[in-house]
Amino acid sequence: MSSWSGPKPGWHLNKINPHLEMHTDLLLGCEQDNGHGGSSIFVPLCGKSVDLAYLASHPKVSHVVGIDIVQAAAEQFAAEHPELCITEFSGGNSSDQCCEDEQHCEAVTVFDSDTCKLETQSSFHGKRISILIGDVFDLMLMPSDKRSRCLYRGVSSNLNQTNSLFDGIYDRGSMVAIDPSRRHDYITLVGSLLRSGAACHNRQTEDGPPFSIDESQVRQLYEAQQWVASVVLLDKKNETEKDADRDRWEARGVTEVYELVFLIRKKNE
């Protein structure tokens, strides 16, 4: 957590990830029949990624829900993106309106503090975006109705989901951040949060940090899941070959670091 005390953590990109831009339509491919006018996207371990702002501003996205255990990341994101009109709410406390733009930023709903462990902590809400502060694995401990109210806390009733399912998940490297012993639990959670036929855009770096994972491990983990219809490798690139990153990797004596980008589709049920 101390890595967030500075202005820019080493893993943070100050631009939209090119893989996300290239494959946005694949991620949003399930939005046409969800009944609420756009895709709902979940971003685990979101940090203060500018990808959140890109998704929240996308015309085919109705709402983005991110979660991160570090509150400073959300605070910095809110400060760096005033156009999203993000306001912090502590625990069950709320206000009547989070910004002046009533079309995009609705009144925040107040829930009892025991509805969800995550709601005892701060959360951030703005134009088509919410960022929850807490451990993503806490979501596994809740029944679907309470999970829905927790995930969509602060979202107006016309967007609120009754089944806590998302039209897409944008995973920006969770598999290398999570302890390997919990990867199976994490993948189970991903499946429980996706609508039928929806996709997870999964981007991982083979050598972390802090943990490593390769293509065969990603395939083995996901293809073993009953909910998975397909695992497609969209791209594989050596990050050390990028001019902007070459000096950084050479200083560490690293010659190869491969970024893997997958599209994992859930079965139609």
C-alpha atoms as a PDB file:
ATOM      1  CA  MET A   1       0.000   0.000   0.000  1.00  0.00           C
ATOM      2  CA  SER A   2       2.912   2.336   0.584  1.00  0.00           C
ATOM      3  CA  SER A   3       3.513   2.351  -3.166  1.00  0.00           C
ATOM      4  CA  TRP A   4       0.516   4.681  -3.521  1.00  0.00           C
ATOM      5  CA  SER A   5       2.097   7.378  -1.363  1.00  0.00           C
ATOM      6  CA  GLY A   6       3.953   8.790  -4.362  1.00  0.00           C
ATOM      7  CA  PRO A   7       2.436  10.404  -7.448  1.00  0.00           C
ATOM      8  CA  LYS A   8       2.835   7.386  -9.763  1.00  0.00           C
ATOM      9  CA  PRO A   9       3.290   3.726  -8.827  1.00  0.00           C
ATOM     10  CA  GLY A  10       5.647   1.774 -11.079  1.00  0.00           C
ATOM     11  CA  TRP A  11       2.851  -0.327 -12.599  1.00  0.00           C
ATOM     12  CA  HIS A  12       0.511   2.596 -13.305  1.00  0.00           C
ATOM     13  CA  LEU A  13       0.007   3.703 -16.924  1.00  0.00           C
ATOM     14  CA  ASN A  14      -0.851   7.350 -17.555  1.00  0.00           C
ATOM     15  CA  LYS A  15      -2.647   6.511 -20.797  1.00  0.00           C
ATOM     16  CA  ILE A  16      -5.453   4.204 -21.872  1.00  0.00           C
ATOM     17  CA  ASN A  17      -4.215   0.683 -22.345  1.00  0.00           C
ATOM     18  CA  PRO A  18      -3.947   0.116 -26.114  1.00  0.00           C
ATOM     19  CA  HIS A  19      -5.248  -3.447 -25.780  1.00  0.00           C
ATOM     20  CA  LEU A  20      -8.437  -2.158 -24.166  1.00  0.00           C
ATOM     21  CA  GLU A  21      -8.941   0.414 -26.922  1.00  0.00           C
ATOM     22  CA  MET A  22      -8.345  -2.223 -29.579  1.00  0.00           C
ATOM     23  CA  HIS A  23     -10.711  -4.788 -28.080  1.00  0.00           C
ATOM     24  CA  THR A  24     -13.424  -2.637 -26.477  1.00  0.00           C
ATOM     25  CA  ASP A  25     -16.108  -3.986 -28.812  1.00  0.00           C
ATOM     26  CA  LEU A  26     -15.291  -7.548 -27.750  1.00  0.00           C
ATOM     27  CA  LEU A  27     -15.618  -6.602 -24.089  1.00  0.00           C
ATOM     28  CA  LEU A  28     -18.921  -4.802 -24.661  1.00  0.00           C
ATOM     29  CA  GLY A  29     -20.337  -7.424 -26.984  1.00  0.00           C
ATOM     30  CA  CYS A  30     -23.082  -8.482 -24.575  1.00  0.00           C
ATOM     31  CA  GLU A  31     -24.639  -5.054 -24.029  1.00  0.00           C
ATOM     32  CA  GLN A  32     -27.323  -5.130 -26.688  1.00  0.00           C
ATOM     33  CA  ASP A  33     -29.806  -7.267 -24.728  1.00  0.00           C
ATOM     34  CA  ASN A  34     -29.201  -6.351 -21.109  1.00  0.00           C
ATOM     35  CA  GLY A  35     -32.216  -4.056 -20.808  1.00  0.00           C
ATOM     36  CA  HIS A  36     -30.505  -0.990 -19.324  1.00  0.00           C
ATOM     37  CA  GLY A  37     -29.098   0.869 -22.322  1.00  0.00           C
ATOM     38  CA  GLY A  38     -25.427  -0.046 -22.164  1.00  0.00           C
ATOM     39  CA  SER A  39     -22.876  -2.414 -20.725  1.00  0.00           C
ATOM     40  CA  SER A  40     -22.147  -2.632 -17.023  1.00  0.00           C
ATOM     41  CA  ILE A  41     -18.433  -3.287 -16.481  1.00  0.00           C
ATOM     42  CA  PHE A  42     -16.635  -4.551 -13.394  1.00  0.00           C
ATOM     43  CA  VAL A  43     -12.938  -3.705 -12.862  1.00  0.00           C
ATOM     44  CA  PRO A  44     -11.292  -5.669 -10.021  1.00  0.00           C
ATOM     45  CA  LEU A  45      -8.128  -4.313  -8.403  1.00  0.00           C
ATOM     46  CA  CYS A  46      -8.743  -1.121 -10.365  1.00  0.00           C
ATOM     47  CA  GLY A  47      -6.187   1.169  -8.709  1.00  0.00           C
ATOM     48  CA  LYS A  48      -6.403   4.607 -10.293  1.00  0.00           C
ATOM     49  CA  SER A  49      -6.245   3.350 -13.860  1.00  0.00           C
ATOM     50  CA  VAL A  50      -7.217   5.847 -16.555  1.00  0.00           C
ATOM     51  CA  ASP A  51      -8.980   2.903 -18.183  1.00  0.00           C
ATOM     52  CA  LEU A  52     -11.778   3.489 -15.657  1.00  0.00           C
ATOM     53  CA  ALA A  53     -12.393   6.967 -17.065  1.00  0.00           C
ATOM     54  CA  TYR A  54     -12.271   5.645 -20.628  1.00  0.00           C
ATOM     55  CA  LEU A  55     -14.905   3.019 -19.865  1.00  0.00           C
ATOM     56  CA  ALA A  56     -17.126   5.362 -17.835  1.00  0.00           C
ATOM     57  CA  SER A  57     -17.157   7.843 -20.728  1.00  0.00           C
ATOM     58  CA  HIS A  58     -17.797   5.248 -23.431  1.00  0.00           C
ATOM     59  CA  PRO A  59     -21.210   5.714 -25.116  1.00  0.00           C
ATOM     60  CA  LYS A  60     -21.956   1.977 -24.922  1.00  0.00           C
ATOM     61  CA  VAL A  61     -21.274   1.734 -21.178  1.00  0.00           C
ATOM     62  CA  SER A  62     -24.020   2.363 -18.629  1.00  0.00           C
ATOM     63  CA  HIS A  63     -21.903   2.036 -15.487  1.00  0.00           C
ATOM     64  CA  VAL A  64     -18.443   1.007 -14.303  1.00  0.00           C
ATOM     65  CA  VAL A  65     -17.833  -0.525 -10.879  1.00  0.00           C
ATOM     66  CA  GLY A  66     -14.236  -0.762  -9.691  1.00  0.00           C
ATOM     67  CA  ILE A  67     -12.871  -2.175  -6.466  1.00  0.00           C
ATOM     68  CA  ASP A  68      -9.504  -1.704  -4.811  1.00  0.00           C
ATOM     69  CA  ILE A  69      -8.216  -2.228  -1.302  1.00  0.00           C
ATOM     70  CA  VAL A  70      -6.243   1.044  -1.307  1.00  0.00           C
ATOM     71  CA  GLN A  71      -8.350   4.154  -0.689  1.00  0.00           C
ATOM     72  CA  ALA A  72      -5.571   6.509  -1.778  1.00  0.00           C
ATOM     73  CA  ALA A  73      -5.864   5.141  -5.314  1.00  0.00           C
ATOM     74  CA  ALA A  74      -9.536   6.125  -5.524  1.00  0.00           C
ATOM     75  CA  GLU A  75      -8.841   9.524  -3.975  1.00  0.00           C
ATOM     76  CA  GLN A  76      -6.145  10.238  -6.548  1.00  0.00           C
ATOM     77  CA  PHE A  77      -8.358   9.030  -9.389  1.00  0.00           C
ATOM     78  CA  ALA A  78     -11.185  11.322  -8.277  1.00  0.00           C
ATOM     79  CA  ALA A  79      -8.819  14.304  -8.113  1.00  0.00           C
ATOM     80  CA  GLU A  80      -7.333  13.541 -11.526  1.00  0.00           C
ATOM     81  CA  HIS A  81     -10.726  13.157 -13.256  1.00  0.00           C
ATOM     82  CA  PRO A  82     -12.933  16.081 -12.188  1.00  0.00           C
ATOM     83  CA  GLU A  83     -15.063  15.570 -15.304  1.00  0.00           C
ATOM     84  CA  LEU A  84     -16.494  12.434 -13.671  1.00  0.00           C
ATOM     85  CA  CYS A  85     -17.697  14.439 -10.648  1.00  0.00           C
ATOM     86  CA  ILE A  86     -16.677  11.773  -8.132  1.00  0.00           C
ATOM     87  CA  THR A  87     -17.639  12.204  -4.489  1.00  0.00           C
ATOM     88  CA  GLU A  88     -16.503  10.146  -1.511  1.00  0.00           C
ATOM     89  CA  PHE A  89     -19.054   8.574   0.808  1.00  0.00           C
ATOM     90  CA  SER A  90     -18.086   7.104   4.166  1.00  0.00           C
ATOM     91  CA  GLY A  91     -19.775   3.920   5.329  1.00  0.00           C
ATOM     92  CA  GLY A  92     -23.548   4.270   5.174  1.00  0.00           C
ATOM     93  CA  ASN A  93     -23.473   8.058   4.963  1.00  0.00           C
ATOM     94  CA  SER A  94     -24.723   9.760   1.844  1.00  0.00           C
ATOM     95  CA  SER A  95     -25.976  13.000   0.381  1.00  0.00           C
ATOM     96  CA  ASP A  96     -28.918  13.894  -1.850  1.00  0.00           C
ATOM     97  CA  GLN A  97     -26.882  14.503  -4.982  1.00  0.00           C
ATOM     98  CA  CYS A  98     -23.269  13.787  -5.823  1.00  0.00           C
ATOM     99  CA  CYS A  99     -23.023  16.445  -8.507  1.00  0.00           C
ATOM    100  CA  GLU A 100     -25.093  18.926 -10.477  1.00  0.00           C
ATOM    101  CA  ASP A 101     -25.421  16.748 -13.579  1.00  0.00           C
ATOM    102  CA  GLU A 102     -28.652  14.905 -12.730  1.00  0.00           C
ATOM    103  CA  GLN A 103     -28.693  13.045 -16.040  1.00  0.00           C
ATOM    104  CA  HIS A 104     -25.556  11.062 -15.255  1.00  0.00           C
ATOM    105  CA  CYS A 105     -25.092  11.261 -11.501  1.00  0.00           C
ATOM    106  CA  GLU A 106     -28.112  10.128  -9.536  1.00  0.00           C
ATOM    107  CA  ALA A 107     -28.855  10.245  -5.829  1.00  0.00           C
ATOM    108  CA  VAL A 108     -26.861   7.768  -3.798  1.00  0.00           C
ATOM    109  CA  THR A 109     -28.834   5.078  -2.026  1.00  0.00           C
ATOM    110  CA  VAL A 110     -28.211   4.494   1.675  1.00  0.00           C
ATOM    111  CA  PHE A 111     -27.947   0.907   2.893  1.00  0.00           C
ATOM    112  CA  ASP A 112     -27.634  -0.511   6.370  1.00  0.00           C
ATOM    113  CA  SER A 113     -24.036  -0.984   7.435  1.00  0.00           C
ATOM    114  CA  ASP A 114     -24.553  -4.735   7.802  1.00  0.00           C
ATOM    115  CA  THR A 115     -25.702  -5.150   4.196  1.00  0.00           C
ATOM    116  CA  CYS A 116     -22.149  -5.660   3.022  1.00  0.00           C
ATOM    117  CA  LYS A 117     -18.788  -5.639   4.730  1.00  0.00           C
ATOM    118  CA  LEU A 118     -17.477  -3.399   1.956  1.00  0.00           C
ATOM    119  CA  GLU A 119     -20.045  -0.738   2.863  1.00  0.00           C
ATOM    120  CA  THR A 120     -18.511  -0.142   6.253  1.00  0.00           C
ATOM    121  CA  GLN A 121     -15.674   1.521   4.359  1.00  0.00           C
ATOM    122  CA  SER A 122     -15.606   4.510   2.061  1.00  0.00           C
ATOM    123  CA  SER A 123     -16.793   4.367  -1.520  1.00  0.00           C
ATOM    124  CA  PHE A 124     -16.646   6.820  -4.403  1.00  0.00           C
ATOM    125  CA  HIS A 125     -19.428   7.660  -6.867  1.00  0.00           C
ATOM    126  CA  GLY A 126     -19.677   9.869  -9.930  1.00  0.00           C
ATOM    127  CA  LYS A 127     -20.892   9.967 -13.515  1.00  0.00           C
ATOM    128  CA  ARG A 128     -21.526   6.350 -14.473  1.00  0.00           C
ATOM    129  CA  ILE A 129     -18.783   5.143 -12.140  1.00  0.00           C
ATOM    130  CA  SER A 130     -18.441   3.711  -8.640  1.00  0.00           C
ATOM    131  CA  ILE A 131     -15.263   2.671  -6.847  1.00  0.00           C
ATOM    132  CA  LEU A 132     -15.577   0.474  -3.771  1.00  0.00           C
ATOM    133  CA  ILE A 133     -12.811   0.258  -1.189  1.00  0.00           C
ATOM    134  CA  GLY A 134     -12.165  -3.230   0.116  1.00  0.00           C
ATOM    135  CA  ASP A 135     -11.068  -6.776  -0.609  1.00  0.00           C
ATOM    136  CA  VAL A 136     -12.516  -8.256  -3.800  1.00  0.00           C
ATOM    137  CA  PHE A 137     -12.769 -11.641  -2.079  1.00  0.00           C
ATOM    138  CA  ASP A 138     -15.332 -10.206   0.349  1.00  0.00           C
ATOM    139  CA  LEU A 139     -17.796 -10.432  -2.550  1.00  0.00           C
ATOM    140  CA  MET A 140     -17.591 -14.226  -2.375  1.00  0.00           C
ATOM    141  CA  LEU A 141     -19.053 -14.236   1.125  1.00  0.00           C
ATOM    142  CA  MET A 142     -22.364 -12.594   0.188  1.00  0.00           C
ATOM    143  CA  PRO A 143     -25.569 -13.984  -1.329  1.00  0.00           C
ATOM    144  CA  SER A 144     -26.372 -12.517  -4.747  1.00  0.00           C
ATOM    145  CA  ASP A 145     -29.030 -10.051  -3.551  1.00  0.00           C
ATOM    146  CA  LYS A 146     -26.746  -8.435  -0.975  1.00  0.00           C
ATOM    147  CA  ARG A 147     -23.845  -8.530  -3.411  1.00  0.00           C
ATOM    148  CA  SER A 148     -25.936  -6.643  -5.940  1.00  0.00           C
ATOM    149  CA  ARG A 149     -26.815  -3.878  -3.471  1.00  0.00           C
ATOM    150  CA  CYS A 150     -23.166  -3.610  -2.510  1.00  0.00           C
ATOM    151  CA  LEU A 151     -21.784  -3.536  -6.049  1.00  0.00           C
ATOM    152  CA  TYR A 152     -24.410  -1.098  -7.287  1.00  0.00           C
ATOM    153  CA  ARG A 153     -24.452   1.105  -4.226  1.00  0.00           C
ATOM    154  CA  GLY A 154     -24.952   4.660  -5.401  1.00  0.00           C
ATOM    155  CA  VAL A 155     -26.411   3.714  -8.776  1.00  0.00           C
ATOM    156  CA  SER A 156     -29.864   4.964  -9.711  1.00  0.00           C
ATOM    157  CA  SER A 157     -32.696   2.448  -9.766  1.00  0.00           C
ATOM    158  CA  ASN A 158     -32.915   2.361 -13.568  1.00  0.00           C
ATOM    159  CA  LEU A 159     -29.381   0.948 -13.681  1.00  0.00           C
ATOM    160  CA  ASN A 160     -29.417  -1.134 -10.520  1.00  0.00           C
ATOM    161  CA  GLN A 161     -28.983  -4.842 -11.159  1.00  0.00           C
ATOM    162  CA  THR A 162     -31.086  -7.349  -9.258  1.00  0.00           C
ATOM    163  CA  ASN A 163     -28.719 -10.256  -9.848  1.00  0.00           C
ATOM    164  CA  SER A 164     -25.324  -8.553  -9.460  1.00  0.00           C
ATOM    165  CA  LEU A 165     -24.240  -9.711 -12.924  1.00  0.00           C
ATOM    166  CA  PHE A 166     -22.066  -7.642 -15.242  1.00  0.00           C
ATOM    167  CA  ASP A 167     -21.951  -7.450 -19.028  1.00  0.00           C
ATOM    168  CA  GLY A 168     -18.164  -7.517 -18.940  1.00  0.00           C
ATOM    169  CA  ILE A 169     -15.142  -7.669 -16.659  1.00  0.00           C
ATOM    170  CA  TYR A 170     -11.944  -5.800 -17.393  1.00  0.00           C
ATOM    171  CA  ASP A 171      -9.126  -7.560 -15.575  1.00  0.00           C
ATOM    172  CA  ARG A 172      -5.963  -5.481 -15.714  1.00  0.00           C
ATOM    173  CA  GLY A 173      -3.580  -7.940 -14.073  1.00  0.00           C
ATOM    174  CA  SER A 174      -5.281  -9.488 -11.063  1.00  0.00           C
ATOM    175  CA  MET A 175      -3.795 -12.926 -11.635  1.00  0.00           C
ATOM    176  CA  VAL A 176      -0.251 -11.676 -11.031  1.00  0.00           C
ATOM    177  CA  ALA A 177      -1.316  -9.571  -8.038  1.00  0.00           C
ATOM    178  CA  ILE A 178      -3.274 -12.266  -6.206  1.00  0.00           C
ATOM    179  CA  ASP A 179      -1.508 -14.984  -4.261  1.00  0.00           C
ATOM    180  CA  PRO A 180      -1.415 -18.103  -6.492  1.00  0.00           C
ATOM    181  CA  SER A 181      -3.194 -20.103  -3.789  1.00  0.00           C
ATOM    182  CA  ARG A 182      -6.290 -17.920  -4.304  1.00  0.00           C
ATOM    183  CA  ARG A 183      -6.394 -17.896  -8.102  1.00  0.00           C
ATOM    184  CA  HIS A 184      -9.025 -20.619  -8.264  1.00  0.00           C
ATOM    185  CA  ASP A 185     -11.252 -18.672  -5.855  1.00  0.00           C
ATOM    186  CA  TYR A 186     -10.755 -15.530  -7.921  1.00  0.00           C
ATOM    187  CA  ILE A 187     -11.732 -17.230 -11.181  1.00  0.00           C
ATOM    188  CA  THR A 188     -14.810 -18.703  -9.517  1.00  0.00           C
ATOM    189  CA  LEU A 189     -15.768 -15.180  -8.423  1.00  0.00           C
ATOM    190  CA  VAL A 190     -15.272 -13.845 -11.965  1.00  0.00           C
ATOM    191  CA  GLY A 191     -17.666 -16.454 -13.314  1.00  0.00           C
ATOM    192  CA  SER A 192     -20.277 -15.643 -10.682  1.00  0.00           C
ATOM    193  CA  LEU A 193     -20.218 -11.948 -11.648  1.00  0.00           C
ATOM    194  CA  LEU A 194     -20.628 -12.356 -15.432  1.00  0.00           C
ATOM    195  CA  ARG A 195     -23.892 -12.583 -17.318  1.00  0.00           C
ATOM    196  CA  SER A 196     -24.418 -15.542 -19.640  1.00  0.00           C
ATOM    197  CA  GLY A 197     -22.437 -15.042 -22.836  1.00  0.00           C
ATOM    198  CA  ALA A 198     -20.493 -12.101 -21.405  1.00  0.00           C
ATOM    199  CA  ALA A 199     -16.719 -11.751 -21.590  1.00  0.00           C
ATOM    200  CA  CYS A 200     -13.732 -11.027 -19.391  1.00  0.00           C
ATOM    201  CA  HIS A 201     -10.922  -9.059 -21.039  1.00  0.00           C
ATOM    202  CA  ASN A 202      -7.931 -10.447 -19.184  1.00  0.00           C
ATOM    203  CA  ARG A 203      -4.491  -8.830 -19.387  1.00  0.00           C
ATOM    204  CA  GLN A 204      -1.565 -10.373 -17.505  1.00  0.00           C
ATOM    205  CA  THR A 205       2.203  -9.973 -17.434  1.00  0.00           C
ATOM    206  CA  GLU A 206       4.075 -13.272 -17.351  1.00  0.00           C
ATOM    207  CA  ASP A 207       6.660 -12.184 -14.797  1.00  0.00           C
ATOM    208  CA  GLY A 208       4.471 -10.062 -12.535  1.00  0.00           C
ATOM    209  CA  PRO A 209       5.233  -8.439 -10.155  1.00  0.00           C
ATOM    210  CA  PRO A 210       4.558  -9.715  -7.555  1.00  0.00           C
ATOM    211  CA  PHE A 211       3.737 -13.182  -8.951  1.00  0.00           C
ATOM    212  CA  SER A 212       4.306 -14.871 -12.296  1.00  0.00           C
ATOM    213  CA  ILE A 213       1.892 -16.629 -14.632  1.00  0.00           C
ATOM    214  CA  ASP A 214       2.276 -17.901 -18.190  1.00  0.00           C
ATOM    215  CA  GLU A 215      -0.117 -18.676 -21.032  1.00  0.00           C
ATOM    216  CA  SER A 216      -0.453 -22.362 -20.201  1.00  0.00           C
ATOM    217  CA  GLN A 217      -1.315 -21.582 -16.573  1.00  0.00           C
ATOM    218  CA  VAL A 218      -3.989 -19.069 -17.559  1.00  0.00           C
ATOM    219  CA  ARG A 219      -5.536 -21.587 -19.936  1.00  0.00           C
ATOM    220  CA  GLN A 220      -5.373 -24.401 -17.411  1.00  0.00           C
ATOM    221  CA  LEU A 221      -7.024 -22.330 -14.691  1.00  0.00           C
ATOM    222  CA  TYR A 222      -9.871 -20.978 -16.816  1.00  0.00           C
ATOM    223  CA  GLU A 223     -10.531 -23.977 -19.057  1.00  0.00           C
ATOM    224  CA  ALA A 224     -11.060 -26.118 -15.951  1.00  0.00           C
ATOM    225  CA  GLN A 225     -14.042 -23.943 -14.978  1.00  0.00           C
ATOM    226  CA  GLN A 226     -17.537 -25.184 -15.828  1.00  0.00           C
ATOM    227  CA  TRP A 227     -18.724 -21.671 -16.668  1.00  0.00           C
ATOM    228  CA  VAL A 228     -16.071 -20.978 -19.326  1.00  0.00           C
ATOM    229  CA  ALA A 229     -17.054 -21.342 -22.993  1.00  0.00           C
ATOM    230  CA  SER A 230     -13.770 -20.242 -24.559  1.00  0.00           C
ATOM    231  CA  VAL A 231     -10.320 -18.856 -23.799  1.00  0.00           C
ATOM    232  CA  VAL A 232      -8.822 -16.907 -26.700  1.00  0.00           C
ATOM    233  CA  LEU A 233      -5.351 -15.359 -26.714  1.00  0.00           C
ATOM    234  CA  LEU A 234      -5.799 -11.971 -28.389  1.00  0.00           C
ATOM    235  CA  ASP A 235      -2.226 -10.756 -28.151  1.00  0.00           C
ATOM    236  CA  LYS A 236       1.204 -11.600 -26.780  1.00  0.00           C
ATOM    237  CA  LYS A 237       3.954  -8.991 -26.844  1.00  0.00           C
ATOM    238  CA  ASN A 238       7.389  -8.580 -25.338  1.00  0.00           C
ATOM    239  CA  GLU A 239       7.122  -5.446 -23.206  1.00  0.00           C
ATOM    240  CA  THR A 240      10.895  -4.906 -23.271  1.00  0.00           C
ATOM    241  CA  GLU A 241      10.703  -4.144 -27.001  1.00  0.00           C
ATOM    242  CA  LYS A 242       8.671  -0.987 -26.441  1.00  0.00           C
ATOM    243  CA  ASP A 243      10.880   2.097 -26.763  1.00  0.00           C
ATOM    244  CA  ALA A 244       9.180   3.804 -23.809  1.00  0.00           C
ATOM    245  CA  ASP A 245       9.862   0.861 -21.493  1.00  0.00           C
ATOM    246  CA  ARG A 246      13.202  -0.433 -22.775  1.00  0.00           C
ATOM    247  CA  ASP A 247      15.463   1.583 -20.472  1.00  0.00           C
ATOM    248  CA  ARG A 248      13.417   0.614 -17.416  1.00  0.00           C
ATOM    249  CA  TRP A 249      13.671  -3.097 -18.155  1.00  0.00           C
ATOM    250  CA  GLU A 250      17.346  -2.938 -19.168  1.00  0.00           C
ATOM    251  CA  ALA A 251      18.167  -1.262 -15.854  1.00  0.00           C
ATOM    252  CA  ARG A 252      16.726  -4.324 -14.131  1.00  0.00           C
ATOM    253  CA  GLY A 253      18.609  -6.717 -16.394  1.00  0.00           C
ATOM    254  CA  VAL A 254      15.359  -8.040 -17.874  1.00  0.00           C
ATOM    255  CA  THR A 255      15.351  -8.975 -21.559  1.00  0.00           C
ATOM    256  CA  GLU A 256      11.897 -10.535 -21.921  1.00  0.00           C
ATOM    257  CA  VAL A 257       8.587  -9.716 -20.222  1.00  0.00           C
ATOM    258  CA  TYR A 258       5.538 -10.872 -22.127  1.00  0.00           C
ATOM    259  CA  GLU A 259       2.146  -9.246 -21.792  1.00  0.00           C
ATOM    260  CA  LEU A 260      -0.694 -11.683 -22.442  1.00  0.00           C
ATOM    261  CA  VAL A 261      -4.179 -10.541 -23.433  1.00  0.00           C
ATOM    262  CA  PHE A 262      -7.068 -13.015 -23.325  1.00  0.00           C
ATOM    263  CA  LEU A 263     -10.777 -12.893 -23.984  1.00  0.00           C
ATOM    264  CA  ILE A 264     -12.591 -15.351 -21.739  1.00  0.00           C
ATOM    265  CA  ARG A 265     -16.227 -15.895 -22.662  1.00  0.00           C
ATOM    266  CA  LYS A 266     -18.913 -17.298 -20.357  1.00  0.00           C
ATOM    267  CA  LYS A 267     -21.267 -19.985 -21.615  1.00  0.00           C
ATOM    268  CA  ASN A 268     -24.792 -19.060 -22.638  1.00  0.00           C
ATOM    269  CA  GLU A 269     -27.156 -20.537 -20.101  1.00  0.00           C
END
